[in-house]
Amino acid sequence: MEGDVPEDVGTTILRRTPGFLAWQSPTWLTHCGDGAEFLGLAGAKELEKYPDAVGHLRQRWPDDRFDDFLAYADFT
């Protein structure tokens, strides 16, 4: 898990989150001391509605390949 969350939040996430395959190490995100909610897959089309999220992802990306990745991200 990323960030500081109360122990009961971490326990809930660990016990109630189904397993999943990821193309990179899975890290459950948190915000404001609470666990993030998984709402579904997010490809380029879905992320168009959330420019702030795209900006945050771009900042976290390790190099300049984010735009290439986003251009090909399609989970439909």
Protein backbone atom coordinates (compact mmCIF):
# COMPACT_ATOMS: atom_id res chain seq x y z
CA MET A 1 0.00 0.00 0.00
CA GLU A 2 1.15 3.50 -0.72
CA GLY A 3 0.80 6.15 2.00
CA ASP A 4 -0.17 6.07 5.63
CA VAL A 5 -3.56 4.58 6.41
CA PRO A 6 -5.05 3.33 9.68
CA GLU A 7 -4.46 -0.36 10.35
CA ASP A 8 -8.15 -1.22 9.91
CA VAL A 9 -8.14 0.32 6.40
CA GLY A 10 -5.10 -1.76 5.43
CA THR A 11 -6.66 -4.91 6.85
CA THR A 12 -9.91 -4.28 4.97
CA ILE A 13 -8.06 -3.81 1.68
CA LEU A 14 -5.95 -6.92 2.21
CA ARG A 15 -8.94 -9.11 3.13
CA ARG A 16 -11.56 -7.78 0.71
CA THR A 17 -9.56 -7.17 -2.45
CA PRO A 18 -9.56 -10.03 -4.95
CA GLY A 19 -6.26 -11.05 -6.47
CA PHE A 20 -5.37 -9.58 -9.84
CA LEU A 21 -2.63 -9.73 -12.43
CA ALA A 22 -0.66 -6.56 -13.10
CA TRP A 23 1.94 -5.62 -15.69
CA GLN A 24 4.00 -3.97 -12.95
CA SER A 25 4.24 -4.41 -9.20
CA PRO A 26 0.80 -3.77 -7.80
CA THR A 27 0.58 -1.03 -5.20
CA TRP A 28 -2.78 -0.18 -3.71
CA LEU A 29 -3.10 3.59 -3.79
CA THR A 30 -4.34 5.69 -0.90
CA HIS A 31 -5.39 9.30 -0.47
CA CYS A 32 -6.18 11.37 2.62
CA GLY A 33 -5.65 8.40 4.94
CA ASP A 34 -8.05 6.08 3.15
CA GLY A 35 -7.73 3.34 0.54
CA ALA A 36 -8.55 4.08 -3.09
CA GLU A 37 -11.55 2.36 -4.66
CA PHE A 38 -11.09 0.28 -7.81
CA LEU A 39 -13.70 1.49 -10.30
CA GLY A 40 -12.55 -0.48 -13.34
CA LEU A 41 -9.92 -0.49 -16.04
CA ALA A 42 -8.83 2.90 -17.32
CA GLY A 43 -7.49 3.22 -20.85
CA ALA A 44 -6.79 6.36 -22.85
CA LYS A 45 -10.46 6.93 -23.67
CA GLU A 46 -11.57 6.63 -20.04
CA LEU A 47 -8.76 8.88 -18.80
CA GLU A 48 -9.74 11.75 -21.13
CA LYS A 49 -12.37 12.70 -18.54
CA TYR A 50 -9.71 13.06 -15.83
CA PRO A 51 -6.94 15.43 -16.98
CA ASP A 52 -5.70 15.88 -13.39
CA ALA A 53 -5.20 12.12 -13.06
CA VAL A 54 -3.32 12.02 -16.37
CA GLY A 55 -1.08 14.84 -15.14
CA HIS A 56 -0.38 12.93 -11.92
CA LEU A 57 0.45 9.75 -13.83
CA ARG A 58 2.73 11.68 -16.18
CA GLN A 59 4.67 13.03 -13.16
CA ARG A 60 5.11 9.53 -11.73
CA TRP A 61 6.22 7.93 -15.01
CA PRO A 62 9.97 7.15 -14.95
CA ASP A 63 10.77 8.55 -18.40
CA ASP A 64 9.30 10.22 -21.48
CA ARG A 65 7.39 7.14 -22.73
CA PHE A 66 4.14 7.96 -20.92
CA ASP A 67 2.54 9.67 -23.91
CA ASP A 68 3.41 6.68 -26.11
CA PHE A 69 1.91 4.31 -23.55
CA LEU A 70 -1.22 6.42 -23.18
CA ALA A 71 -1.68 6.59 -26.95
CA TYR A 72 -1.85 2.79 -27.11
CA ALA A 73 -3.71 2.14 -23.85
CA ASP A 74 -7.01 0.61 -24.81
CA PHE A 75 -8.69 -1.86 -22.49
CA THR A 76 -11.99 -2.23 -24.34
